[in-house]
């Protein structure tokens, strides 16, 4: 976290490479290093203990580190499954979605990462063209819940059987109950939940 706040990418890279050499799992690196550090930096920003620029620099370094780590855990034993990972329109935070995409790849999935602020119709077009087995949607802010629900409804209208995973804090505090109205739509709170989901998926 200190190296991120100092903008010291080289030090961050050394720390990550040491963990990889020690055979720490991708899930632990993502959750215990990246996620915890960025959560704490976010809390510091809220308390005005660091600047927006500090948070942006830390985010950009972490994005690169996520991609770097994923190359070491890319599973050559492919599952034959494809996941489309995206953020909803007006959602600009994509760190969680990046980690989810990397975790899918580490478990043998092919992924298409659409990233932040992806317009609804472009998500629909990607599903139509690529025919993913699963669509993962990230939504961080409660204010965007209506956009999230609209995207889910549009996907279901066009692809009724499409399996969808939803992640992010916008559905925390039991707000995920609104997903019960839709078939094959699941709320995943963290990589532990995703690990459990993928374990059950592979047994189908």
N, C-alpha and C. Protein backbone atom coordinates (compact mmCIF):
# COMPACT_ATOMS: atom_id res chain seq x y z
N UNK A 1 0.82 -1.20 0.00
CA UNK A 1 0.00 0.00 0.00
C UNK A 1 0.87 1.26 0.00
N UNK A 2 1.92 1.26 0.79
CA UNK A 2 2.81 2.43 0.83
C UNK A 2 3.47 2.65 -0.52
N UNK A 3 3.89 1.56 -1.16
CA UNK A 3 4.53 1.69 -2.47
C UNK A 3 3.54 2.23 -3.50
N UNK A 4 2.29 1.81 -3.41
CA UNK A 4 1.27 2.33 -4.32
C UNK A 4 1.09 3.83 -4.12
N UNK A 5 0.99 4.25 -2.86
CA UNK A 5 0.79 5.67 -2.57
C UNK A 5 1.99 6.52 -2.99
N UNK A 6 3.16 5.91 -2.99
CA UNK A 6 4.36 6.62 -3.43
C UNK A 6 4.53 6.56 -4.95
N UNK A 7 3.64 5.82 -5.62
CA UNK A 7 3.75 5.68 -7.07
C UNK A 7 4.95 4.84 -7.49
N UNK A 8 5.43 3.98 -6.59
CA UNK A 8 6.64 3.20 -6.83
C UNK A 8 6.27 1.87 -7.49
N UNK A 9 6.11 1.88 -8.79
CA UNK A 9 5.70 0.69 -9.53
C UNK A 9 6.73 -0.43 -9.42
N UNK A 10 8.01 -0.07 -9.44
CA UNK A 10 9.06 -1.09 -9.38
C UNK A 10 9.01 -1.86 -8.06
N UNK A 11 8.81 -1.15 -6.95
CA UNK A 11 8.72 -1.82 -5.66
C UNK A 11 7.49 -2.71 -5.60
N UNK A 12 6.37 -2.23 -6.14
CA UNK A 12 5.16 -3.05 -6.19
C UNK A 12 5.41 -4.32 -6.99
N UNK A 13 6.11 -4.18 -8.10
CA UNK A 13 6.40 -5.33 -8.95
C UNK A 13 7.29 -6.34 -8.24
N UNK A 14 8.26 -5.85 -7.47
CA UNK A 14 9.14 -6.75 -6.70
C UNK A 14 8.35 -7.54 -5.67
N UNK A 15 7.43 -6.86 -5.00
CA UNK A 15 6.60 -7.52 -3.98
C UNK A 15 5.76 -8.62 -4.63
N UNK A 16 5.13 -8.29 -5.75
CA UNK A 16 4.26 -9.25 -6.44
C UNK A 16 5.08 -10.42 -6.97
N UNK A 17 6.22 -10.13 -7.56
CA UNK A 17 7.04 -11.20 -8.11
C UNK A 17 7.53 -12.16 -7.01
N UNK A 18 7.84 -11.62 -5.84
CA UNK A 18 8.26 -12.46 -4.71
C UNK A 18 7.13 -13.41 -4.31
N UNK A 19 5.91 -12.92 -4.27
CA UNK A 19 4.77 -13.77 -3.92
C UNK A 19 4.55 -14.86 -4.97
N UNK A 20 4.71 -14.50 -6.23
CA UNK A 20 4.58 -15.49 -7.30
C UNK A 20 5.64 -16.57 -7.16
N UNK A 21 6.90 -16.15 -6.88
CA UNK A 21 7.99 -17.11 -6.69
C UNK A 21 7.74 -18.02 -5.50
N UNK A 22 7.03 -17.50 -4.49
CA UNK A 22 6.70 -18.30 -3.31
C UNK A 22 5.45 -19.15 -3.51
N UNK A 23 4.91 -19.12 -4.72
CA UNK A 23 3.74 -19.91 -5.13
C UNK A 23 2.49 -19.56 -4.34
N UNK A 24 2.36 -18.29 -4.00
CA UNK A 24 1.11 -17.80 -3.41
C UNK A 24 0.05 -17.82 -4.51
N UNK A 25 -1.17 -18.21 -4.18
CA UNK A 25 -2.21 -18.37 -5.19
C UNK A 25 -2.66 -17.03 -5.75
N UNK A 26 -3.20 -17.06 -6.96
CA UNK A 26 -3.70 -15.84 -7.59
C UNK A 26 -4.83 -15.24 -6.76
N UNK A 27 -5.66 -16.08 -6.15
CA UNK A 27 -6.76 -15.56 -5.33
C UNK A 27 -6.23 -14.78 -4.13
N UNK A 28 -5.19 -15.29 -3.48
CA UNK A 28 -4.63 -14.61 -2.32
C UNK A 28 -3.97 -13.29 -2.71
N UNK A 29 -3.26 -13.29 -3.84
CA UNK A 29 -2.62 -12.05 -4.30
C UNK A 29 -3.69 -11.01 -4.61
N UNK A 30 -4.72 -11.42 -5.33
CA UNK A 30 -5.79 -10.49 -5.69
C UNK A 30 -6.51 -9.95 -4.45
N UNK A 31 -6.90 -10.86 -3.55
CA UNK A 31 -7.73 -10.45 -2.42
C UNK A 31 -6.93 -9.83 -1.28
N UNK A 32 -5.83 -10.49 -0.88
CA UNK A 32 -5.12 -10.07 0.31
C UNK A 32 -4.12 -8.95 0.05
N UNK A 33 -3.72 -8.77 -1.21
CA UNK A 33 -2.77 -7.71 -1.53
C UNK A 33 -3.45 -6.56 -2.27
N UNK A 34 -3.96 -6.84 -3.45
CA UNK A 34 -4.54 -5.77 -4.27
C UNK A 34 -5.82 -5.20 -3.67
N UNK A 35 -6.76 -6.10 -3.36
CA UNK A 35 -8.05 -5.63 -2.88
C UNK A 35 -7.92 -4.90 -1.55
N UNK A 36 -7.20 -5.47 -0.61
CA UNK A 36 -7.05 -4.83 0.70
C UNK A 36 -6.34 -3.49 0.60
N UNK A 37 -5.29 -3.44 -0.23
CA UNK A 37 -4.55 -2.18 -0.37
C UNK A 37 -5.44 -1.09 -0.97
N UNK A 38 -6.20 -1.44 -2.02
CA UNK A 38 -7.03 -0.43 -2.67
C UNK A 38 -8.21 -0.01 -1.80
N UNK A 39 -8.75 -0.95 -1.02
CA UNK A 39 -9.81 -0.58 -0.07
C UNK A 39 -9.29 0.45 0.94
N UNK A 40 -8.09 0.21 1.46
CA UNK A 40 -7.52 1.11 2.46
C UNK A 40 -7.19 2.47 1.85
N UNK A 41 -6.72 2.48 0.62
CA UNK A 41 -6.43 3.75 -0.05
C UNK A 41 -7.74 4.50 -0.29
N UNK A 42 -8.80 3.77 -0.65
CA UNK A 42 -10.11 4.40 -0.81
C UNK A 42 -10.59 5.02 0.48
N UNK A 43 -10.37 4.32 1.60
CA UNK A 43 -10.77 4.86 2.90
C UNK A 43 -9.94 6.09 3.25
N UNK A 44 -8.66 6.07 2.90
CA UNK A 44 -7.80 7.22 3.16
C UNK A 44 -8.26 8.43 2.35
N UNK A 45 -8.66 8.19 1.10
CA UNK A 45 -9.15 9.29 0.26
C UNK A 45 -10.42 9.90 0.87
N UNK A 46 -11.32 9.03 1.35
CA UNK A 46 -12.55 9.52 1.96
C UNK A 46 -12.27 10.40 3.18
N UNK A 47 -11.19 10.09 3.89
CA UNK A 47 -10.82 10.86 5.08
C UNK A 47 -9.83 11.98 4.75
N UNK A 48 -9.61 12.20 3.44
CA UNK A 48 -8.72 13.25 2.95
C UNK A 48 -7.29 13.06 3.44
N UNK A 49 -6.89 11.79 3.55
CA UNK A 49 -5.51 11.49 3.93
C UNK A 49 -4.64 11.20 2.72
N UNK A 50 -5.25 11.16 1.54
CA UNK A 50 -4.52 11.11 0.28
C UNK A 50 -5.36 11.82 -0.78
N UNK A 51 -4.76 12.15 -1.89
CA UNK A 51 -5.44 12.93 -2.92
C UNK A 51 -6.08 12.03 -3.97
N UNK A 52 -6.94 12.64 -4.80
CA UNK A 52 -7.51 11.91 -5.92
C UNK A 52 -6.40 11.43 -6.85
N UNK A 53 -5.40 12.26 -7.05
CA UNK A 53 -4.27 11.87 -7.91
C UNK A 53 -3.55 10.66 -7.34
N UNK A 54 -3.35 10.62 -6.02
CA UNK A 54 -2.71 9.46 -5.38
C UNK A 54 -3.52 8.20 -5.66
N UNK A 55 -4.84 8.30 -5.52
CA UNK A 55 -5.72 7.14 -5.75
C UNK A 55 -5.68 6.71 -7.20
N UNK A 56 -5.64 7.66 -8.12
CA UNK A 56 -5.58 7.32 -9.54
C UNK A 56 -4.27 6.62 -9.90
N UNK A 57 -3.16 7.12 -9.37
CA UNK A 57 -1.86 6.49 -9.63
C UNK A 57 -1.85 5.06 -9.09
N UNK A 58 -2.35 4.88 -7.86
CA UNK A 58 -2.41 3.55 -7.26
C UNK A 58 -3.28 2.61 -8.09
N UNK A 59 -4.39 3.13 -8.59
CA UNK A 59 -5.29 2.31 -9.41
C UNK A 59 -4.61 1.87 -10.69
N UNK A 60 -3.92 2.80 -11.37
CA UNK A 60 -3.26 2.46 -12.63
C UNK A 60 -2.14 1.44 -12.42
N UNK A 61 -1.39 1.60 -11.35
CA UNK A 61 -0.34 0.60 -11.06
C UNK A 61 -0.97 -0.76 -10.81
N UNK A 62 -2.04 -0.79 -10.02
CA UNK A 62 -2.69 -2.06 -9.69
C UNK A 62 -3.29 -2.72 -10.93
N UNK A 63 -3.86 -1.94 -11.83
CA UNK A 63 -4.38 -2.51 -13.08
C UNK A 63 -3.28 -3.26 -13.83
N UNK A 64 -2.11 -2.62 -13.94
CA UNK A 64 -1.00 -3.28 -14.61
C UNK A 64 -0.54 -4.53 -13.89
N UNK A 65 -0.53 -4.49 -12.55
CA UNK A 65 -0.10 -5.64 -11.77
C UNK A 65 -1.08 -6.81 -11.90
N UNK A 66 -2.38 -6.51 -11.99
CA UNK A 66 -3.38 -7.56 -12.19
C UNK A 66 -3.11 -8.28 -13.50
N UNK A 67 -2.89 -7.52 -14.56
CA UNK A 67 -2.59 -8.12 -15.85
C UNK A 67 -1.29 -8.91 -15.80
N UNK A 68 -0.30 -8.38 -15.09
CA UNK A 68 0.99 -9.05 -14.97
C UNK A 68 0.84 -10.40 -14.26
N UNK A 69 0.13 -10.39 -13.13
CA UNK A 69 -0.07 -11.62 -12.37
C UNK A 69 -0.82 -12.67 -13.19
N UNK A 70 -1.82 -12.23 -13.94
CA UNK A 70 -2.65 -13.18 -14.68
C UNK A 70 -1.84 -13.97 -15.70
N UNK A 71 -0.75 -13.38 -16.21
CA UNK A 71 0.06 -14.10 -17.20
C UNK A 71 0.77 -15.31 -16.59
N UNK A 72 1.03 -15.26 -15.28
CA UNK A 72 1.71 -16.36 -14.61
C UNK A 72 0.75 -17.50 -14.24
N UNK A 73 -0.52 -17.20 -14.21
CA UNK A 73 -1.50 -18.20 -13.78
C UNK A 73 -2.43 -18.62 -14.92
N UNK A 74 -2.13 -18.21 -16.14
CA UNK A 74 -2.96 -18.58 -17.28
C UNK A 74 -2.94 -20.10 -17.43
N UNK A 75 -4.09 -20.72 -17.33
CA UNK A 75 -4.21 -22.18 -17.31
C UNK A 75 -4.22 -22.71 -18.74
N UNK A 76 -3.23 -23.55 -19.06
CA UNK A 76 -3.16 -24.12 -20.41
C UNK A 76 -4.18 -25.23 -20.61
N UNK A 77 -4.74 -25.75 -19.51
CA UNK A 77 -5.79 -26.76 -19.61
C UNK A 77 -7.14 -26.05 -19.74
N UNK A 78 -7.51 -25.77 -20.97
CA UNK A 78 -8.70 -24.97 -21.23
C UNK A 78 -9.99 -25.75 -20.95
N UNK A 79 -10.95 -25.04 -20.39
CA UNK A 79 -12.24 -25.66 -20.06
C UNK A 79 -13.18 -25.69 -21.26
N UNK A 80 -12.86 -24.88 -22.28
CA UNK A 80 -13.75 -24.78 -23.42
C UNK A 80 -14.88 -23.79 -23.21
N UNK A 81 -14.86 -23.07 -22.08
CA UNK A 81 -15.92 -22.12 -21.75
C UNK A 81 -15.43 -20.69 -21.95
N UNK A 82 -16.37 -19.80 -22.25
CA UNK A 82 -16.04 -18.40 -22.51
C UNK A 82 -16.86 -17.48 -21.60
N UNK A 83 -16.17 -16.52 -20.97
CA UNK A 83 -16.84 -15.54 -20.12
C UNK A 83 -16.63 -14.14 -20.69
N UNK A 84 -17.71 -13.38 -20.75
CA UNK A 84 -17.65 -11.96 -21.09
C UNK A 84 -17.75 -11.18 -19.79
N UNK A 85 -16.72 -10.37 -19.48
CA UNK A 85 -16.69 -9.60 -18.24
C UNK A 85 -16.78 -8.12 -18.60
N UNK A 86 -17.74 -7.44 -18.00
CA UNK A 86 -17.96 -6.04 -18.33
C UNK A 86 -18.41 -5.25 -17.11
N UNK A 87 -18.31 -3.94 -17.22
CA UNK A 87 -18.91 -3.04 -16.25
C UNK A 87 -20.12 -2.38 -16.90
N UNK A 88 -21.06 -1.96 -16.09
CA UNK A 88 -22.24 -1.31 -16.66
C UNK A 88 -21.89 0.09 -17.17
N UNK A 89 -22.79 0.64 -17.96
CA UNK A 89 -22.66 2.00 -18.43
C UNK A 89 -22.55 2.96 -17.24
N UNK A 90 -21.61 3.90 -17.31
CA UNK A 90 -21.35 4.89 -16.25
C UNK A 90 -20.64 4.30 -15.03
N UNK A 91 -20.16 3.08 -15.15
CA UNK A 91 -19.35 2.47 -14.08
C UNK A 91 -17.88 2.55 -14.51
N UNK A 92 -17.08 3.35 -13.79
CA UNK A 92 -15.71 3.61 -14.21
C UNK A 92 -14.68 2.84 -13.37
N UNK A 93 -15.13 2.09 -12.38
CA UNK A 93 -14.22 1.31 -11.55
C UNK A 93 -14.19 -0.12 -12.09
N UNK A 94 -13.03 -0.55 -12.57
CA UNK A 94 -12.96 -1.85 -13.21
C UNK A 94 -11.94 -2.80 -12.59
N UNK A 95 -11.33 -2.42 -11.45
CA UNK A 95 -10.33 -3.29 -10.83
C UNK A 95 -10.93 -4.65 -10.48
N UNK A 96 -12.12 -4.65 -9.86
CA UNK A 96 -12.75 -5.91 -9.50
C UNK A 96 -13.03 -6.77 -10.71
N UNK A 97 -13.52 -6.15 -11.78
CA UNK A 97 -13.82 -6.89 -13.00
C UNK A 97 -12.54 -7.45 -13.62
N UNK A 98 -11.45 -6.68 -13.55
CA UNK A 98 -10.17 -7.18 -14.07
C UNK A 98 -9.71 -8.42 -13.31
N UNK A 99 -9.86 -8.39 -11.99
CA UNK A 99 -9.45 -9.54 -11.18
C UNK A 99 -10.33 -10.75 -11.48
N UNK A 100 -11.60 -10.52 -11.68
CA UNK A 100 -12.51 -11.62 -12.02
C UNK A 100 -12.10 -12.25 -13.35
N UNK A 101 -11.79 -11.41 -14.35
CA UNK A 101 -11.36 -11.93 -15.64
C UNK A 101 -10.09 -12.76 -15.50
N UNK A 102 -9.14 -12.26 -14.71
CA UNK A 102 -7.90 -13.00 -14.49
C UNK A 102 -8.14 -14.31 -13.78
N UNK A 103 -9.09 -14.31 -12.84
CA UNK A 103 -9.38 -15.53 -12.09
C UNK A 103 -10.05 -16.58 -12.99
N UNK A 104 -10.93 -16.13 -13.88
CA UNK A 104 -11.51 -17.05 -14.85
C UNK A 104 -10.42 -17.69 -15.71
N UNK A 105 -9.48 -16.88 -16.19
CA UNK A 105 -8.41 -17.39 -17.04
C UNK A 105 -7.54 -18.39 -16.28
N UNK A 106 -7.29 -18.12 -14.99
CA UNK A 106 -6.50 -19.05 -14.18
C UNK A 106 -7.21 -20.38 -14.00
N UNK A 107 -8.52 -20.38 -14.20
CA UNK A 107 -9.31 -21.61 -14.09
C UNK A 107 -9.65 -22.21 -15.46
N UNK A 108 -8.90 -21.79 -16.47
CA UNK A 108 -9.02 -22.43 -17.78
C UNK A 108 -10.05 -21.84 -18.72
N UNK A 109 -10.72 -20.77 -18.30
CA UNK A 109 -11.70 -20.14 -19.17
C UNK A 109 -11.02 -19.17 -20.13
N UNK A 110 -11.60 -19.00 -21.30
CA UNK A 110 -11.26 -17.87 -22.16
C UNK A 110 -12.14 -16.70 -21.73
N UNK A 111 -11.60 -15.50 -21.81
CA UNK A 111 -12.37 -14.34 -21.38
C UNK A 111 -12.32 -13.22 -22.42
N UNK A 112 -13.38 -12.46 -22.46
CA UNK A 112 -13.43 -11.18 -23.18
C UNK A 112 -13.67 -10.12 -22.12
N UNK A 113 -12.73 -9.20 -21.97
CA UNK A 113 -12.85 -8.16 -20.94
C UNK A 113 -13.24 -6.85 -21.62
N UNK A 114 -14.49 -6.44 -21.44
CA UNK A 114 -14.97 -5.21 -22.08
C UNK A 114 -14.61 -3.96 -21.28
N UNK A 115 -14.39 -4.10 -19.97
CA UNK A 115 -13.93 -2.99 -19.17
C UNK A 115 -15.01 -2.05 -18.70
N UNK A 116 -14.57 -0.85 -18.31
CA UNK A 116 -15.47 0.11 -17.68
C UNK A 116 -16.36 0.83 -18.69
N UNK A 117 -17.50 1.33 -18.17
CA UNK A 117 -18.37 2.23 -18.92
C UNK A 117 -18.75 1.67 -20.30
N UNK A 118 -19.18 0.42 -20.33
CA UNK A 118 -19.54 -0.20 -21.60
C UNK A 118 -21.03 0.00 -21.87
N UNK A 119 -21.39 0.66 -22.97
CA UNK A 119 -22.81 0.90 -23.28
C UNK A 119 -23.59 -0.40 -23.41
N UNK A 120 -24.83 -0.35 -22.99
CA UNK A 120 -25.70 -1.53 -22.98
C UNK A 120 -25.76 -2.23 -24.33
N UNK A 121 -25.97 -1.47 -25.39
CA UNK A 121 -26.13 -2.08 -26.71
C UNK A 121 -24.85 -2.75 -27.20
N UNK A 122 -23.70 -2.25 -26.74
CA UNK A 122 -22.45 -2.89 -27.12
C UNK A 122 -22.26 -4.21 -26.37
N UNK A 123 -22.75 -4.28 -25.13
CA UNK A 123 -22.74 -5.55 -24.41
C UNK A 123 -23.61 -6.58 -25.14
N UNK A 124 -24.79 -6.14 -25.56
CA UNK A 124 -25.71 -7.02 -26.29
C UNK A 124 -25.07 -7.51 -27.58
N UNK A 125 -24.39 -6.61 -28.28
CA UNK A 125 -23.75 -6.98 -29.53
C UNK A 125 -22.63 -8.00 -29.30
N UNK A 126 -21.87 -7.81 -28.23
CA UNK A 126 -20.80 -8.77 -27.91
C UNK A 126 -21.37 -10.15 -27.60
N UNK A 127 -22.47 -10.18 -26.85
CA UNK A 127 -23.10 -11.47 -26.53
C UNK A 127 -23.58 -12.13 -27.82
N UNK A 128 -24.17 -11.35 -28.69
CA UNK A 128 -24.68 -11.90 -29.95
C UNK A 128 -23.54 -12.46 -30.81
N UNK A 129 -22.42 -11.75 -30.84
CA UNK A 129 -21.30 -12.16 -31.70
C UNK A 129 -20.49 -13.29 -31.08
N UNK A 130 -20.20 -13.20 -29.79
CA UNK A 130 -19.26 -14.13 -29.16
C UNK A 130 -19.93 -15.33 -28.49
N UNK A 131 -21.23 -15.21 -28.19
CA UNK A 131 -21.99 -16.30 -27.56
C UNK A 131 -21.29 -16.85 -26.31
N UNK A 132 -21.04 -16.01 -25.31
CA UNK A 132 -20.36 -16.48 -24.10
C UNK A 132 -21.22 -17.44 -23.29
N UNK A 133 -20.56 -18.36 -22.59
CA UNK A 133 -21.27 -19.24 -21.68
C UNK A 133 -21.79 -18.46 -20.48
N UNK A 134 -21.07 -17.40 -20.14
CA UNK A 134 -21.41 -16.64 -18.94
C UNK A 134 -21.08 -15.17 -19.16
N UNK A 135 -21.92 -14.30 -18.63
CA UNK A 135 -21.67 -12.86 -18.65
C UNK A 135 -21.48 -12.38 -17.22
N UNK A 136 -20.35 -11.75 -16.93
CA UNK A 136 -20.08 -11.18 -15.62
C UNK A 136 -20.23 -9.67 -15.67
N UNK A 137 -21.02 -9.12 -14.77
CA UNK A 137 -21.30 -7.68 -14.76
C UNK A 137 -20.85 -7.08 -13.43
N UNK A 138 -20.05 -6.02 -13.51
CA UNK A 138 -19.58 -5.34 -12.30
C UNK A 138 -20.31 -4.01 -12.13
N UNK A 139 -20.77 -3.77 -10.89
CA UNK A 139 -21.46 -2.52 -10.56
C UNK A 139 -21.12 -2.12 -9.13
N UNK A 140 -20.44 -1.00 -8.96
CA UNK A 140 -19.90 -0.65 -7.65
C UNK A 140 -20.79 0.26 -6.81
N UNK A 141 -21.59 1.11 -7.47
CA UNK A 141 -22.31 2.13 -6.72
C UNK A 141 -23.81 1.90 -6.75
N UNK A 142 -24.45 2.07 -5.60
CA UNK A 142 -25.89 1.88 -5.49
C UNK A 142 -26.65 2.78 -6.43
N UNK A 143 -26.12 3.95 -6.72
CA UNK A 143 -26.79 4.89 -7.60
C UNK A 143 -26.97 4.32 -9.01
N UNK A 144 -26.17 3.30 -9.35
CA UNK A 144 -26.24 2.71 -10.69
C UNK A 144 -27.07 1.43 -10.74
N UNK A 145 -27.77 1.11 -9.66
CA UNK A 145 -28.54 -0.14 -9.63
C UNK A 145 -29.58 -0.19 -10.75
N UNK A 146 -30.23 0.91 -11.03
CA UNK A 146 -31.24 0.92 -12.09
C UNK A 146 -30.62 0.58 -13.45
N UNK A 147 -29.41 1.09 -13.70
CA UNK A 147 -28.72 0.74 -14.95
C UNK A 147 -28.38 -0.75 -14.99
N UNK A 148 -27.97 -1.28 -13.84
CA UNK A 148 -27.66 -2.71 -13.75
C UNK A 148 -28.89 -3.55 -14.07
N UNK A 149 -30.01 -3.25 -13.46
CA UNK A 149 -31.24 -4.00 -13.68
C UNK A 149 -31.69 -3.88 -15.13
N UNK A 150 -31.57 -2.70 -15.69
CA UNK A 150 -31.96 -2.51 -17.09
C UNK A 150 -31.10 -3.37 -18.01
N UNK A 151 -29.79 -3.44 -17.73
CA UNK A 151 -28.90 -4.27 -18.55
C UNK A 151 -29.29 -5.74 -18.43
N UNK A 152 -29.54 -6.20 -17.21
CA UNK A 152 -29.95 -7.59 -17.01
C UNK A 152 -31.24 -7.88 -17.77
N UNK A 153 -32.20 -6.98 -17.68
CA UNK A 153 -33.47 -7.20 -18.36
C UNK A 153 -33.31 -7.21 -19.88
N UNK A 154 -32.44 -6.37 -20.39
CA UNK A 154 -32.19 -6.34 -21.84
C UNK A 154 -31.51 -7.62 -22.29
N UNK A 155 -30.54 -8.08 -21.49
CA UNK A 155 -29.89 -9.35 -21.83
C UNK A 155 -30.90 -10.48 -21.84
N UNK A 156 -31.74 -10.54 -20.81
CA UNK A 156 -32.71 -11.62 -20.70
C UNK A 156 -33.77 -11.55 -21.80
N UNK A 157 -34.09 -10.35 -22.23
CA UNK A 157 -35.07 -10.20 -23.31
C UNK A 157 -34.51 -10.76 -24.62
N UNK A 158 -33.21 -10.55 -24.84
CA UNK A 158 -32.57 -11.01 -26.07
C UNK A 158 -32.03 -12.43 -25.98
N UNK A 159 -31.59 -12.82 -24.77
CA UNK A 159 -30.98 -14.14 -24.58
C UNK A 159 -31.53 -14.73 -23.27
N UNK A 160 -32.74 -15.26 -23.29
CA UNK A 160 -33.44 -15.67 -22.06
C UNK A 160 -32.67 -16.65 -21.18
N UNK A 161 -31.86 -17.53 -21.79
CA UNK A 161 -31.18 -18.55 -21.00
C UNK A 161 -29.77 -18.14 -20.58
N UNK A 162 -29.37 -16.92 -20.90
CA UNK A 162 -28.00 -16.50 -20.62
C UNK A 162 -27.70 -16.53 -19.11
N UNK A 163 -26.61 -17.18 -18.74
CA UNK A 163 -26.15 -17.21 -17.35
C UNK A 163 -25.41 -15.91 -17.06
N UNK A 164 -25.74 -15.28 -15.93
CA UNK A 164 -25.18 -13.98 -15.58
C UNK A 164 -24.67 -14.01 -14.14
N UNK A 165 -23.47 -13.48 -13.95
CA UNK A 165 -22.95 -13.24 -12.60
C UNK A 165 -22.86 -11.74 -12.38
N UNK A 166 -23.26 -11.28 -11.21
CA UNK A 166 -23.18 -9.87 -10.86
C UNK A 166 -22.26 -9.72 -9.66
N UNK A 167 -21.33 -8.77 -9.74
CA UNK A 167 -20.44 -8.49 -8.62
C UNK A 167 -20.35 -7.00 -8.36
N UNK A 168 -19.81 -6.64 -7.20
CA UNK A 168 -19.67 -5.23 -6.87
C UNK A 168 -20.54 -4.84 -5.69
N UNK A 169 -20.25 -3.68 -5.13
CA UNK A 169 -20.88 -3.24 -3.89
C UNK A 169 -22.28 -2.65 -4.07
N UNK A 170 -22.72 -2.45 -5.31
CA UNK A 170 -24.03 -1.82 -5.49
C UNK A 170 -25.17 -2.68 -4.97
N UNK A 171 -24.94 -4.00 -4.87
CA UNK A 171 -25.99 -4.90 -4.38
C UNK A 171 -25.69 -5.44 -2.98
N UNK A 172 -24.78 -4.78 -2.28
CA UNK A 172 -24.47 -5.20 -0.91
C UNK A 172 -25.65 -4.86 0.01
N UNK A 173 -25.53 -5.29 1.26
CA UNK A 173 -26.55 -5.03 2.29
C UNK A 173 -27.92 -5.56 1.87
N UNK A 174 -27.92 -6.79 1.35
CA UNK A 174 -29.13 -7.54 1.01
C UNK A 174 -29.91 -6.96 -0.18
N UNK A 175 -29.31 -6.00 -0.89
CA UNK A 175 -29.99 -5.49 -2.08
C UNK A 175 -29.98 -6.50 -3.21
N UNK A 176 -29.16 -7.55 -3.08
CA UNK A 176 -29.09 -8.57 -4.13
C UNK A 176 -30.39 -9.36 -4.26
N UNK A 177 -31.30 -9.19 -3.30
CA UNK A 177 -32.59 -9.90 -3.37
C UNK A 177 -33.36 -9.55 -4.63
N UNK A 178 -33.09 -8.41 -5.22
CA UNK A 178 -33.81 -8.01 -6.44
C UNK A 178 -33.48 -8.92 -7.62
N UNK A 179 -32.38 -9.68 -7.52
CA UNK A 179 -32.01 -10.57 -8.61
C UNK A 179 -32.84 -11.84 -8.64
N UNK A 180 -33.57 -12.11 -7.57
CA UNK A 180 -34.35 -13.35 -7.50
C UNK A 180 -35.46 -13.40 -8.54
N UNK A 181 -35.78 -12.26 -9.14
CA UNK A 181 -36.82 -12.22 -10.16
C UNK A 181 -36.34 -12.75 -11.50
N UNK A 182 -35.03 -12.99 -11.61
CA UNK A 182 -34.46 -13.40 -12.90
C UNK A 182 -33.82 -14.78 -12.79
N UNK A 183 -34.02 -15.58 -13.80
CA UNK A 183 -33.42 -16.92 -13.83
C UNK A 183 -31.97 -16.87 -14.26
N UNK A 184 -31.15 -17.73 -13.69
CA UNK A 184 -29.74 -17.84 -14.04
C UNK A 184 -28.96 -16.54 -13.83
N UNK A 185 -29.34 -15.80 -12.79
CA UNK A 185 -28.59 -14.59 -12.42
C UNK A 185 -28.14 -14.74 -10.98
N UNK A 186 -26.83 -14.63 -10.74
CA UNK A 186 -26.26 -14.91 -9.42
C UNK A 186 -25.42 -13.73 -8.95
N UNK A 187 -25.49 -13.44 -7.65
CA UNK A 187 -24.67 -12.38 -7.07
C UNK A 187 -23.46 -13.02 -6.39
N UNK A 188 -22.27 -12.59 -6.79
CA UNK A 188 -21.02 -13.11 -6.24
C UNK A 188 -20.34 -11.98 -5.48
N UNK A 189 -20.11 -12.17 -4.19
CA UNK A 189 -19.59 -11.08 -3.37
C UNK A 189 -18.07 -10.94 -3.42
N UNK A 190 -17.35 -12.04 -3.71
CA UNK A 190 -15.89 -11.99 -3.70
C UNK A 190 -15.34 -13.19 -4.45
N UNK A 191 -14.01 -13.28 -4.54
CA UNK A 191 -13.40 -14.39 -5.28
C UNK A 191 -13.63 -15.73 -4.58
N UNK A 192 -13.85 -15.72 -3.28
CA UNK A 192 -14.20 -16.98 -2.60
C UNK A 192 -15.52 -17.51 -3.15
N UNK A 193 -16.48 -16.62 -3.32
CA UNK A 193 -17.76 -17.02 -3.89
C UNK A 193 -17.62 -17.46 -5.33
N UNK A 194 -16.76 -16.78 -6.09
CA UNK A 194 -16.53 -17.17 -7.48
C UNK A 194 -15.86 -18.54 -7.56
N UNK A 195 -14.94 -18.79 -6.64
CA UNK A 195 -14.28 -20.10 -6.60
C UNK A 195 -15.31 -21.21 -6.39
N UNK A 196 -16.23 -20.98 -5.47
CA UNK A 196 -17.29 -21.96 -5.19
C UNK A 196 -18.19 -22.13 -6.41
N UNK A 197 -18.54 -21.03 -7.05
CA UNK A 197 -19.41 -21.09 -8.24
C UNK A 197 -18.73 -21.89 -9.36
N UNK A 198 -17.45 -21.60 -9.62
CA UNK A 198 -16.77 -22.29 -10.71
C UNK A 198 -16.60 -23.78 -10.42
N UNK A 199 -16.45 -24.12 -9.13
CA UNK A 199 -16.36 -25.52 -8.76
C UNK A 199 -17.65 -26.26 -9.10
N UNK A 200 -18.78 -25.62 -8.81
CA UNK A 200 -20.07 -26.25 -9.12
C UNK A 200 -20.32 -26.23 -10.62
N UNK A 201 -19.85 -25.20 -11.31
CA UNK A 201 -20.05 -25.09 -12.76
C UNK A 201 -19.33 -26.22 -13.49
N UNK A 202 -18.12 -26.54 -13.03
CA UNK A 202 -17.32 -27.57 -13.70
C UNK A 202 -17.93 -28.96 -13.54
N UNK A 203 -18.85 -29.11 -12.57
CA UNK A 203 -19.47 -30.41 -12.32
C UNK A 203 -20.76 -30.61 -13.09
N UNK A 204 -21.16 -29.58 -13.87
CA UNK A 204 -22.44 -29.68 -14.58
C UNK A 204 -22.31 -30.65 -15.77
